C-alpha cells in the first residue's frame, strides 16, 4: 500500500482500495459502485447490419439513432437505395431515436418512392414506437412486425401498384366477333 496514512488509512496506488492500518483490511473506495448508483456504462455503439434478399435489402439497426450516429445509417441507406427494390429497416433493436433519425427516414422514404422503390419499417420497442406515434409518423410509414413481414408488405404493395384495372361489370368487349361481358 502506498499513499497517505491520514486517519489511520493507507490508499493503494490506484486509489480504488483503502487499507485500515489497524487491521490491514482492504476497503473499496468506489462507493458509487458499491451502492449501485454508478452511471450505466456507455451504451453499445450504433450498429447497422445489412441482409440481402431477392426482394430487397433489410437493414437491422441496434443502439441509438441520433444526430451523432445518423451518418452511419445514411451511408448504408444510400447503398441500399441503389438496388431499386424494397428497403426494410428493422427498428426492433433501437433503444432511442431522435428527430434527426426521423428526418432521415422520411427523406429516404420519399427518395425511394420517387425512384420506384419502397421503404418499410419494422416496429421498434415501446420507446421508439412512442416517438412515431407522437409525431404522427406511424401513419406515414408502412410498419410491420418482422423483416419477413416487411418484405412481404413491400412485395404486395409493388404488385398492387402494377395491377391492371378490372373492366367495369357492365362493359362488354368484342373478341373474335363474340361479345363477352
N, C-alpha and C. Protein backbone atom coordinates (compact mmCIF):
# COMPACT_ATOMS: atom_id res chain seq x y z
N UNK A 1 0.84 -1.18 0.00
CA UNK A 1 0.00 0.00 0.00
C UNK A 1 0.88 1.24 0.00
N UNK A 2 0.43 2.21 -0.77
CA UNK A 2 1.14 3.47 -0.84
C UNK A 2 0.20 4.57 -0.38
N UNK A 3 0.74 5.75 -0.31
CA UNK A 3 -0.12 6.90 -0.10
C UNK A 3 -0.16 7.37 1.33
N UNK A 4 -1.16 8.20 1.60
CA UNK A 4 -1.31 8.88 2.87
C UNK A 4 -1.68 7.91 3.99
N UNK A 5 -1.23 8.26 5.18
CA UNK A 5 -1.62 7.49 6.36
C UNK A 5 -2.51 8.33 7.25
N UNK A 6 -3.16 9.36 6.66
CA UNK A 6 -4.07 10.20 7.43
C UNK A 6 -5.21 9.34 7.98
N UNK A 7 -5.60 9.62 9.18
CA UNK A 7 -6.72 8.95 9.84
C UNK A 7 -6.55 7.45 9.92
N UNK A 8 -5.34 6.96 9.88
CA UNK A 8 -5.09 5.53 10.03
C UNK A 8 -5.43 4.72 8.79
N UNK A 9 -5.50 5.36 7.62
CA UNK A 9 -5.81 4.67 6.38
C UNK A 9 -4.65 4.79 5.41
N UNK A 10 -4.50 3.81 4.55
CA UNK A 10 -3.48 3.85 3.51
C UNK A 10 -4.13 3.48 2.18
N UNK A 11 -3.96 4.33 1.17
CA UNK A 11 -4.56 4.09 -0.15
C UNK A 11 -3.59 3.32 -1.02
N UNK A 12 -4.15 2.48 -1.90
CA UNK A 12 -3.29 1.80 -2.87
C UNK A 12 -2.98 2.77 -3.99
N UNK A 13 -2.14 2.37 -4.93
CA UNK A 13 -1.68 3.26 -5.99
C UNK A 13 -2.83 3.71 -6.89
N UNK A 14 -3.82 2.88 -7.08
CA UNK A 14 -4.93 3.25 -7.96
C UNK A 14 -5.98 4.08 -7.26
N UNK A 15 -6.00 4.05 -5.94
CA UNK A 15 -6.99 4.80 -5.19
C UNK A 15 -8.31 4.07 -5.07
N UNK A 16 -8.39 2.84 -5.60
CA UNK A 16 -9.63 2.09 -5.56
C UNK A 16 -9.86 1.41 -4.21
N UNK A 17 -8.81 1.17 -3.46
CA UNK A 17 -8.93 0.49 -2.17
C UNK A 17 -8.18 1.26 -1.10
N UNK A 18 -8.67 1.16 0.08
CA UNK A 18 -8.02 1.77 1.25
C UNK A 18 -7.83 0.65 2.27
N UNK A 19 -6.66 0.63 2.88
CA UNK A 19 -6.41 -0.37 3.93
C UNK A 19 -6.47 0.32 5.28
N UNK A 20 -7.20 -0.27 6.20
CA UNK A 20 -7.26 0.21 7.56
C UNK A 20 -5.96 -0.26 8.23
N UNK A 21 -5.12 0.68 8.68
CA UNK A 21 -3.82 0.31 9.24
C UNK A 21 -3.95 -0.49 10.53
N UNK A 22 -5.09 -0.37 11.21
CA UNK A 22 -5.25 -1.11 12.45
C UNK A 22 -5.36 -2.61 12.20
N UNK A 23 -6.14 -3.02 11.20
CA UNK A 23 -6.30 -4.46 10.97
C UNK A 23 -5.92 -4.87 9.53
N UNK A 24 -5.39 -3.95 8.73
CA UNK A 24 -4.91 -4.18 7.35
C UNK A 24 -6.00 -4.74 6.43
N UNK A 25 -7.24 -4.45 6.75
CA UNK A 25 -8.35 -4.90 5.93
C UNK A 25 -8.54 -3.92 4.78
N UNK A 26 -8.67 -4.45 3.52
CA UNK A 26 -8.90 -3.60 2.35
C UNK A 26 -10.37 -3.20 2.29
N UNK A 27 -10.60 -1.95 2.02
CA UNK A 27 -11.96 -1.42 1.89
C UNK A 27 -12.04 -0.70 0.55
N UNK A 28 -13.10 -0.97 -0.22
CA UNK A 28 -13.27 -0.30 -1.52
C UNK A 28 -13.64 1.16 -1.30
N UNK A 29 -13.04 2.02 -2.10
CA UNK A 29 -13.41 3.44 -2.04
C UNK A 29 -14.40 3.79 -3.12
N UNK A 30 -14.72 2.85 -3.98
CA UNK A 30 -15.65 3.06 -5.06
C UNK A 30 -17.07 2.95 -4.51
N UNK A 31 -17.49 3.99 -3.79
CA UNK A 31 -18.78 3.94 -3.12
C UNK A 31 -19.95 3.92 -4.10
N UNK A 32 -19.81 4.61 -5.27
CA UNK A 32 -20.90 4.59 -6.25
C UNK A 32 -21.12 3.16 -6.74
N UNK A 33 -20.04 2.44 -6.99
CA UNK A 33 -20.16 1.06 -7.45
C UNK A 33 -20.75 0.17 -6.38
N UNK A 34 -20.33 0.37 -5.12
CA UNK A 34 -20.86 -0.43 -4.03
C UNK A 34 -22.35 -0.17 -3.82
N UNK A 35 -22.74 1.08 -3.93
CA UNK A 35 -24.13 1.45 -3.69
C UNK A 35 -25.02 1.21 -4.90
N UNK A 36 -24.42 0.87 -6.05
CA UNK A 36 -25.20 0.64 -7.26
C UNK A 36 -25.72 1.92 -7.87
N UNK A 37 -25.09 3.05 -7.54
CA UNK A 37 -25.55 4.32 -8.08
C UNK A 37 -24.67 4.81 -9.23
N UNK A 38 -23.69 4.05 -9.59
CA UNK A 38 -22.82 4.46 -10.69
C UNK A 38 -23.63 4.51 -11.97
N UNK A 39 -23.32 5.48 -12.81
CA UNK A 39 -23.99 5.58 -14.09
C UNK A 39 -23.72 4.33 -14.90
N UNK A 40 -24.68 3.98 -15.74
CA UNK A 40 -24.52 2.83 -16.61
C UNK A 40 -23.33 3.05 -17.53
N UNK A 41 -22.66 1.99 -17.92
CA UNK A 41 -21.58 2.15 -18.87
C UNK A 41 -22.12 2.71 -20.18
N UNK A 42 -21.25 3.28 -20.97
CA UNK A 42 -21.64 3.84 -22.25
C UNK A 42 -22.35 2.76 -23.06
N UNK A 43 -23.51 3.09 -23.63
CA UNK A 43 -24.24 2.08 -24.38
C UNK A 43 -23.43 1.59 -25.58
N UNK A 44 -23.81 0.40 -26.03
CA UNK A 44 -23.13 -0.16 -27.19
C UNK A 44 -23.27 0.80 -28.35
N UNK A 45 -22.26 0.86 -29.18
CA UNK A 45 -22.33 1.80 -30.31
C UNK A 45 -23.47 1.44 -31.26
N UNK A 46 -23.86 2.41 -32.05
CA UNK A 46 -24.89 2.21 -33.05
C UNK A 46 -24.40 1.18 -34.07
N UNK A 47 -25.28 0.31 -34.46
CA UNK A 47 -24.90 -0.77 -35.36
C UNK A 47 -25.94 -0.90 -36.46
N UNK A 48 -25.47 -1.09 -37.69
CA UNK A 48 -26.35 -1.36 -38.82
C UNK A 48 -25.84 -2.60 -39.52
N UNK A 49 -26.69 -3.62 -39.57
CA UNK A 49 -26.34 -4.85 -40.30
C UNK A 49 -27.20 -4.90 -41.56
N UNK A 50 -26.59 -5.31 -42.64
CA UNK A 50 -27.28 -5.38 -43.93
C UNK A 50 -27.49 -6.84 -44.30
N UNK A 51 -28.72 -7.17 -44.70
CA UNK A 51 -29.05 -8.52 -45.14
C UNK A 51 -29.67 -8.40 -46.52
N UNK A 52 -29.04 -9.05 -47.49
CA UNK A 52 -29.54 -9.06 -48.86
C UNK A 52 -30.65 -10.09 -48.99
N UNK A 53 -31.67 -9.76 -49.77
CA UNK A 53 -32.77 -10.66 -50.03
C UNK A 53 -33.20 -10.43 -51.48
N UNK A 54 -33.70 -11.45 -52.16
CA UNK A 54 -34.13 -11.23 -53.55
C UNK A 54 -35.17 -10.13 -53.73
N UNK A 55 -35.97 -9.88 -52.71
CA UNK A 55 -36.99 -8.83 -52.80
C UNK A 55 -36.48 -7.46 -52.41
N UNK A 56 -35.30 -7.38 -51.81
CA UNK A 56 -34.77 -6.10 -51.38
C UNK A 56 -33.67 -6.25 -50.36
N UNK A 57 -33.48 -5.21 -49.61
CA UNK A 57 -32.43 -5.15 -48.60
C UNK A 57 -33.07 -4.91 -47.24
N UNK A 58 -32.57 -5.62 -46.23
CA UNK A 58 -33.01 -5.40 -44.85
C UNK A 58 -31.85 -4.78 -44.09
N UNK A 59 -32.10 -3.65 -43.46
CA UNK A 59 -31.11 -3.00 -42.59
C UNK A 59 -31.59 -3.18 -41.16
N UNK A 60 -30.78 -3.84 -40.35
CA UNK A 60 -31.14 -4.13 -38.96
C UNK A 60 -30.37 -3.16 -38.07
N UNK A 61 -31.10 -2.31 -37.35
CA UNK A 61 -30.48 -1.27 -36.53
C UNK A 61 -30.41 -1.71 -35.08
N UNK A 62 -29.36 -1.27 -34.40
CA UNK A 62 -29.20 -1.53 -32.99
C UNK A 62 -28.56 -0.32 -32.32
N UNK A 63 -28.95 -0.04 -31.09
CA UNK A 63 -28.36 1.07 -30.35
C UNK A 63 -29.25 2.30 -30.39
N UNK A 64 -28.64 3.46 -30.60
CA UNK A 64 -29.35 4.73 -30.58
C UNK A 64 -29.14 5.46 -31.90
N UNK A 65 -30.23 5.83 -32.54
CA UNK A 65 -30.17 6.59 -33.79
C UNK A 65 -30.41 8.05 -33.45
N UNK A 66 -29.34 8.82 -33.52
CA UNK A 66 -29.41 10.24 -33.19
C UNK A 66 -28.50 11.02 -34.12
N UNK A 67 -28.32 12.29 -33.82
CA UNK A 67 -27.51 13.16 -34.67
C UNK A 67 -26.09 12.62 -34.87
N UNK A 68 -25.52 12.03 -33.84
CA UNK A 68 -24.15 11.53 -33.92
C UNK A 68 -24.04 10.26 -34.75
N UNK A 69 -25.08 9.43 -34.76
CA UNK A 69 -25.00 8.14 -35.45
C UNK A 69 -25.71 8.14 -36.80
N UNK A 70 -26.46 9.18 -37.10
CA UNK A 70 -27.22 9.24 -38.35
C UNK A 70 -26.35 9.08 -39.60
N UNK A 71 -25.13 9.63 -39.65
CA UNK A 71 -24.32 9.44 -40.86
C UNK A 71 -24.01 7.97 -41.17
N UNK A 72 -23.91 7.14 -40.15
CA UNK A 72 -23.67 5.71 -40.37
C UNK A 72 -24.85 5.10 -41.12
N UNK A 73 -26.05 5.40 -40.66
CA UNK A 73 -27.24 4.88 -41.33
C UNK A 73 -27.39 5.49 -42.72
N UNK A 74 -27.09 6.77 -42.87
CA UNK A 74 -27.23 7.43 -44.17
C UNK A 74 -26.37 6.73 -45.22
N UNK A 75 -25.15 6.37 -44.85
CA UNK A 75 -24.26 5.67 -45.78
C UNK A 75 -24.86 4.33 -46.21
N UNK A 76 -25.38 3.58 -45.26
CA UNK A 76 -25.99 2.28 -45.57
C UNK A 76 -27.26 2.45 -46.39
N UNK A 77 -28.05 3.48 -46.09
CA UNK A 77 -29.26 3.74 -46.85
C UNK A 77 -28.94 4.11 -48.30
N UNK A 78 -27.92 4.92 -48.48
CA UNK A 78 -27.53 5.32 -49.84
C UNK A 78 -27.19 4.09 -50.68
N UNK A 79 -26.47 3.15 -50.10
CA UNK A 79 -26.13 1.91 -50.82
C UNK A 79 -27.38 1.07 -51.08
N UNK A 80 -28.25 0.99 -50.10
CA UNK A 80 -29.46 0.16 -50.22
C UNK A 80 -30.42 0.74 -51.27
N UNK A 81 -30.48 2.06 -51.39
CA UNK A 81 -31.41 2.69 -52.33
C UNK A 81 -31.00 2.46 -53.78
N UNK A 82 -29.75 2.14 -54.02
CA UNK A 82 -29.28 1.91 -55.39
C UNK A 82 -29.90 0.67 -56.02
N UNK A 83 -30.37 -0.26 -55.18
CA UNK A 83 -30.92 -1.51 -55.68
C UNK A 83 -32.30 -1.40 -56.30
N UNK A 84 -32.98 -0.27 -56.13
CA UNK A 84 -34.31 -0.03 -56.68
C UNK A 84 -35.37 -1.01 -56.20
N UNK A 85 -35.07 -1.81 -55.22
CA UNK A 85 -36.07 -2.72 -54.66
C UNK A 85 -36.59 -2.15 -53.36
N UNK A 86 -37.11 -3.03 -52.56
CA UNK A 86 -37.61 -2.62 -51.25
C UNK A 86 -36.46 -2.48 -50.27
N UNK A 87 -36.59 -1.54 -49.38
CA UNK A 87 -35.65 -1.38 -48.28
C UNK A 87 -36.49 -1.53 -47.01
N UNK A 88 -36.15 -2.53 -46.21
CA UNK A 88 -36.82 -2.76 -44.94
C UNK A 88 -35.84 -2.37 -43.84
N UNK A 89 -36.26 -1.50 -42.95
CA UNK A 89 -35.42 -1.08 -41.84
C UNK A 89 -36.02 -1.63 -40.56
N UNK A 90 -35.27 -2.50 -39.91
CA UNK A 90 -35.70 -3.14 -38.68
C UNK A 90 -35.32 -2.27 -37.49
N UNK A 91 -36.30 -1.67 -36.85
CA UNK A 91 -36.08 -0.77 -35.71
C UNK A 91 -36.16 -1.51 -34.38
N UNK A 92 -36.38 -2.82 -34.39
CA UNK A 92 -36.62 -3.55 -33.15
C UNK A 92 -35.41 -3.55 -32.20
N UNK A 93 -34.21 -3.30 -32.70
CA UNK A 93 -33.03 -3.27 -31.85
C UNK A 93 -32.65 -1.87 -31.38
N UNK A 94 -33.43 -0.86 -31.77
CA UNK A 94 -33.13 0.51 -31.34
C UNK A 94 -33.61 0.72 -29.91
N UNK A 95 -32.83 1.50 -29.17
CA UNK A 95 -33.25 1.91 -27.84
C UNK A 95 -33.76 3.34 -27.84
N UNK A 96 -33.37 4.10 -28.89
CA UNK A 96 -33.69 5.53 -28.91
C UNK A 96 -33.62 6.02 -30.35
N UNK A 97 -34.49 6.97 -30.69
CA UNK A 97 -34.42 7.66 -31.98
C UNK A 97 -34.77 9.11 -31.73
N UNK A 98 -34.05 10.01 -32.37
CA UNK A 98 -34.35 11.43 -32.20
C UNK A 98 -34.85 12.01 -33.52
N UNK A 99 -35.06 13.32 -33.55
CA UNK A 99 -35.62 13.98 -34.73
C UNK A 99 -34.74 13.82 -35.95
N UNK A 100 -33.43 13.80 -35.78
CA UNK A 100 -32.56 13.64 -36.95
C UNK A 100 -32.74 12.25 -37.56
N UNK A 101 -32.95 11.26 -36.75
CA UNK A 101 -33.21 9.91 -37.26
C UNK A 101 -34.54 9.84 -37.99
N UNK A 102 -35.56 10.47 -37.41
CA UNK A 102 -36.88 10.50 -38.07
C UNK A 102 -36.80 11.22 -39.40
N UNK A 103 -36.10 12.34 -39.42
CA UNK A 103 -35.96 13.13 -40.65
C UNK A 103 -35.28 12.29 -41.74
N UNK A 104 -34.27 11.56 -41.36
CA UNK A 104 -33.55 10.73 -42.32
C UNK A 104 -34.48 9.66 -42.91
N UNK A 105 -35.29 9.05 -42.07
CA UNK A 105 -36.21 8.01 -42.55
C UNK A 105 -37.27 8.59 -43.48
N UNK A 106 -37.79 9.76 -43.16
CA UNK A 106 -38.79 10.41 -44.02
C UNK A 106 -38.17 10.74 -45.37
N UNK A 107 -36.98 11.29 -45.36
CA UNK A 107 -36.29 11.65 -46.60
C UNK A 107 -36.00 10.40 -47.44
N UNK A 108 -35.56 9.33 -46.80
CA UNK A 108 -35.27 8.09 -47.52
C UNK A 108 -36.53 7.52 -48.15
N UNK A 109 -37.64 7.58 -47.41
CA UNK A 109 -38.91 7.05 -47.94
C UNK A 109 -39.33 7.84 -49.17
N UNK A 110 -39.21 9.15 -49.13
CA UNK A 110 -39.59 9.98 -50.29
C UNK A 110 -38.70 9.70 -51.48
N UNK A 111 -37.40 9.57 -51.26
CA UNK A 111 -36.47 9.30 -52.35
C UNK A 111 -36.74 7.93 -52.97
N UNK A 112 -36.98 6.94 -52.14
CA UNK A 112 -37.26 5.61 -52.67
C UNK A 112 -38.57 5.60 -53.46
N UNK A 113 -39.59 6.23 -52.93
CA UNK A 113 -40.87 6.28 -53.64
C UNK A 113 -40.72 6.97 -54.99
N UNK A 114 -39.95 8.07 -55.04
CA UNK A 114 -39.74 8.81 -56.29
C UNK A 114 -38.99 7.97 -57.33
N UNK A 115 -38.14 7.06 -56.88
CA UNK A 115 -37.36 6.24 -57.81
C UNK A 115 -37.99 4.88 -58.06
N UNK A 116 -39.21 4.65 -57.55
CA UNK A 116 -39.89 3.39 -57.77
C UNK A 116 -39.64 2.34 -56.70
N UNK A 117 -38.90 2.67 -55.67
CA UNK A 117 -38.64 1.74 -54.58
C UNK A 117 -39.62 1.94 -53.44
N UNK A 118 -39.40 1.21 -52.38
CA UNK A 118 -40.27 1.30 -51.22
C UNK A 118 -39.47 1.19 -49.94
N UNK A 119 -39.94 1.86 -48.92
CA UNK A 119 -39.35 1.75 -47.59
C UNK A 119 -40.42 1.22 -46.64
N UNK A 120 -40.08 0.16 -45.92
CA UNK A 120 -40.97 -0.43 -44.94
C UNK A 120 -40.19 -0.51 -43.63
N UNK A 121 -40.84 -0.17 -42.53
CA UNK A 121 -40.19 -0.21 -41.22
C UNK A 121 -40.73 -1.36 -40.38
N UNK A 122 -39.83 -1.99 -39.64
CA UNK A 122 -40.22 -2.98 -38.64
C UNK A 122 -40.33 -2.22 -37.33
N UNK A 123 -41.45 -2.39 -36.64
CA UNK A 123 -41.70 -1.64 -35.40
C UNK A 123 -40.58 -1.84 -34.39
N UNK A 124 -40.28 -0.76 -33.68
CA UNK A 124 -39.28 -0.80 -32.64
C UNK A 124 -39.91 -1.04 -31.28
N UNK A 125 -39.09 -0.99 -30.24
CA UNK A 125 -39.61 -1.15 -28.87
C UNK A 125 -40.51 0.03 -28.51
N UNK A 126 -41.17 -0.06 -27.39
CA UNK A 126 -42.17 0.92 -26.98
C UNK A 126 -41.66 2.36 -27.04
N UNK A 127 -40.45 2.62 -26.56
CA UNK A 127 -39.92 3.99 -26.56
C UNK A 127 -39.79 4.54 -27.98
N UNK A 128 -39.39 3.71 -28.90
CA UNK A 128 -39.24 4.13 -30.30
C UNK A 128 -40.62 4.28 -30.95
N UNK A 129 -41.52 3.35 -30.70
CA UNK A 129 -42.88 3.44 -31.25
C UNK A 129 -43.56 4.72 -30.78
N UNK A 130 -43.32 5.07 -29.53
CA UNK A 130 -43.96 6.27 -28.96
C UNK A 130 -43.55 7.53 -29.72
N UNK A 131 -42.30 7.63 -30.13
CA UNK A 131 -41.84 8.79 -30.90
C UNK A 131 -42.59 8.86 -32.24
N UNK A 132 -42.77 7.72 -32.88
CA UNK A 132 -43.52 7.69 -34.15
C UNK A 132 -44.98 8.09 -33.93
N UNK A 133 -45.57 7.63 -32.84
CA UNK A 133 -46.96 7.97 -32.55
C UNK A 133 -47.12 9.46 -32.26
N UNK A 134 -46.22 10.02 -31.46
CA UNK A 134 -46.32 11.44 -31.09
C UNK A 134 -46.14 12.36 -32.29
N UNK A 135 -45.34 11.96 -33.25
CA UNK A 135 -45.09 12.79 -34.44
C UNK A 135 -46.07 12.49 -35.57
N UNK A 136 -46.90 11.46 -35.41
CA UNK A 136 -47.83 11.08 -36.47
C UNK A 136 -47.20 10.27 -37.58
N UNK A 137 -45.93 9.96 -37.45
CA UNK A 137 -45.25 9.21 -38.50
C UNK A 137 -45.64 7.74 -38.53
N UNK A 138 -46.32 7.27 -37.50
CA UNK A 138 -46.80 5.89 -37.53
C UNK A 138 -47.86 5.74 -38.61
N UNK A 139 -48.49 6.84 -39.04
CA UNK A 139 -49.48 6.79 -40.12
C UNK A 139 -48.83 7.06 -41.48
N UNK A 140 -47.62 7.55 -41.48
CA UNK A 140 -46.91 7.88 -42.72
C UNK A 140 -46.19 6.66 -43.31
N UNK A 141 -45.60 5.86 -42.45
CA UNK A 141 -44.79 4.72 -42.90
C UNK A 141 -45.60 3.44 -42.93
N UNK A 142 -45.15 2.52 -43.79
CA UNK A 142 -45.66 1.15 -43.74
C UNK A 142 -44.90 0.48 -42.60
N UNK A 143 -45.62 0.02 -41.58
CA UNK A 143 -45.00 -0.60 -40.40
C UNK A 143 -45.40 -2.06 -40.32
N UNK A 144 -44.43 -2.91 -39.99
CA UNK A 144 -44.67 -4.35 -39.87
C UNK A 144 -44.04 -4.85 -38.58
N UNK A 145 -44.29 -6.12 -38.28
CA UNK A 145 -43.79 -6.70 -37.04
C UNK A 145 -42.49 -7.47 -37.19
N UNK A 146 -42.06 -7.76 -38.42
CA UNK A 146 -40.83 -8.52 -38.63
C UNK A 146 -40.25 -8.17 -39.99
N UNK A 147 -38.97 -8.43 -40.20
CA UNK A 147 -38.38 -8.18 -41.53
C UNK A 147 -39.06 -8.99 -42.62
N UNK A 148 -39.44 -10.23 -42.32
CA UNK A 148 -40.13 -11.05 -43.31
C UNK A 148 -41.47 -10.42 -43.70
N UNK A 149 -42.22 -9.97 -42.70
CA UNK A 149 -43.48 -9.29 -42.97
C UNK A 149 -43.25 -8.00 -43.75
N UNK A 150 -42.15 -7.32 -43.48
CA UNK A 150 -41.81 -6.10 -44.21
C UNK A 150 -41.55 -6.37 -45.68
N UNK A 151 -40.81 -7.43 -45.98
CA UNK A 151 -40.56 -7.79 -47.37
C UNK A 151 -41.86 -8.21 -48.05
N UNK A 152 -42.70 -8.94 -47.34
CA UNK A 152 -44.00 -9.35 -47.89
C UNK A 152 -44.86 -8.13 -48.19
N UNK A 153 -44.89 -7.17 -47.27
CA UNK A 153 -45.66 -5.95 -47.47
C UNK A 153 -45.15 -5.19 -48.69
N UNK A 154 -43.84 -5.09 -48.83
CA UNK A 154 -43.26 -4.40 -49.99
C UNK A 154 -43.65 -5.10 -51.28
N UNK A 155 -43.61 -6.43 -51.29
CA UNK A 155 -43.99 -7.18 -52.47
C UNK A 155 -45.47 -6.94 -52.81
N UNK A 156 -46.33 -7.00 -51.81
CA UNK A 156 -47.75 -6.78 -52.03
C UNK A 156 -48.02 -5.37 -52.56
N UNK A 157 -47.32 -4.40 -52.02
CA UNK A 157 -47.50 -3.02 -52.48
C UNK A 157 -47.02 -2.84 -53.91
N UNK A 158 -45.90 -3.50 -54.25
CA UNK A 158 -45.36 -3.39 -55.60
C UNK A 158 -46.30 -4.06 -56.59
N UNK A 159 -46.76 -5.26 -56.27
CA UNK A 159 -47.68 -5.97 -57.16
C UNK A 159 -49.00 -5.21 -57.25
N UNK A 160 -49.48 -4.69 -56.14
CA UNK A 160 -50.74 -3.95 -56.13
C UNK A 160 -50.68 -2.69 -56.98
N UNK A 161 -49.52 -2.04 -57.03
CA UNK A 161 -49.40 -0.82 -57.82
C UNK A 161 -49.31 -1.11 -59.31
N UNK A 162 -49.02 -2.35 -59.69
CA UNK A 162 -48.89 -2.70 -61.11
C UNK A 162 -50.10 -3.45 -61.64
N UNK A 163 -51.10 -3.64 -60.82
CA UNK A 163 -52.29 -4.36 -61.27
C UNK A 163 -52.99 -3.60 -62.39
N UNK A 164 -53.50 -4.37 -63.32
CA UNK A 164 -54.27 -3.80 -64.41
C UNK A 164 -55.68 -3.61 -63.89
N UNK A 165 -56.23 -2.42 -64.06
CA UNK A 165 -57.58 -2.20 -63.55
C UNK A 165 -58.57 -3.16 -64.21
N UNK A 166 -59.48 -3.68 -63.42
CA UNK A 166 -60.50 -4.58 -63.94
C UNK A 166 -61.54 -3.77 -64.70
N UNK A 167 -62.03 -4.35 -65.80
CA UNK A 167 -63.07 -3.62 -66.53
C UNK A 167 -64.33 -3.55 -65.70
N UNK A 168 -65.11 -2.55 -65.96
CA UNK A 168 -66.37 -2.39 -65.24
C UNK A 168 -67.27 -3.57 -65.56
N UNK A 169 -68.15 -3.92 -64.65
CA UNK A 169 -69.00 -5.10 -64.79
C UNK A 169 -69.93 -5.00 -66.00
N UNK A 170 -70.34 -3.81 -66.38
CA UNK A 170 -71.28 -3.69 -67.48
C UNK A 170 -70.58 -3.47 -68.83
N UNK A 171 -69.26 -3.43 -68.86
CA UNK A 171 -68.53 -3.21 -70.09
C UNK A 171 -68.42 -4.54 -70.85
N UNK A 172 -68.67 -4.50 -72.14
CA UNK A 172 -68.54 -5.67 -72.98
C UNK A 172 -67.39 -5.46 -73.94
N UNK A 173 -66.67 -6.55 -74.25
CA UNK A 173 -65.57 -6.46 -75.20
C UNK A 173 -65.82 -7.41 -76.34
N UNK A 174 -65.38 -7.01 -77.51
CA UNK A 174 -65.54 -7.89 -78.68
C UNK A 174 -64.27 -8.71 -78.84
N UNK A 175 -64.42 -10.01 -78.94
CA UNK A 175 -63.29 -10.91 -79.13
C UNK A 175 -63.71 -11.94 -80.15
N UNK A 176 -63.11 -11.86 -81.33
CA UNK A 176 -63.43 -12.83 -82.38
C UNK A 176 -64.88 -12.77 -82.80
N UNK A 177 -65.45 -11.57 -82.82
CA UNK A 177 -66.81 -11.41 -83.26
C UNK A 177 -67.84 -11.75 -82.19
N UNK A 178 -67.39 -12.22 -81.03
CA UNK A 178 -68.33 -12.58 -79.96
C UNK A 178 -68.23 -11.52 -78.88
N UNK A 179 -69.33 -11.11 -78.36
CA UNK A 179 -69.33 -10.12 -77.27
C UNK A 179 -69.22 -10.84 -75.94
N UNK A 180 -68.25 -10.48 -75.16
CA UNK A 180 -68.03 -11.08 -73.83
C UNK A 180 -68.31 -10.01 -72.79
N UNK A 181 -68.90 -10.42 -71.72
CA UNK A 181 -69.12 -9.45 -70.64
C UNK A 181 -68.56 -9.99 -69.35
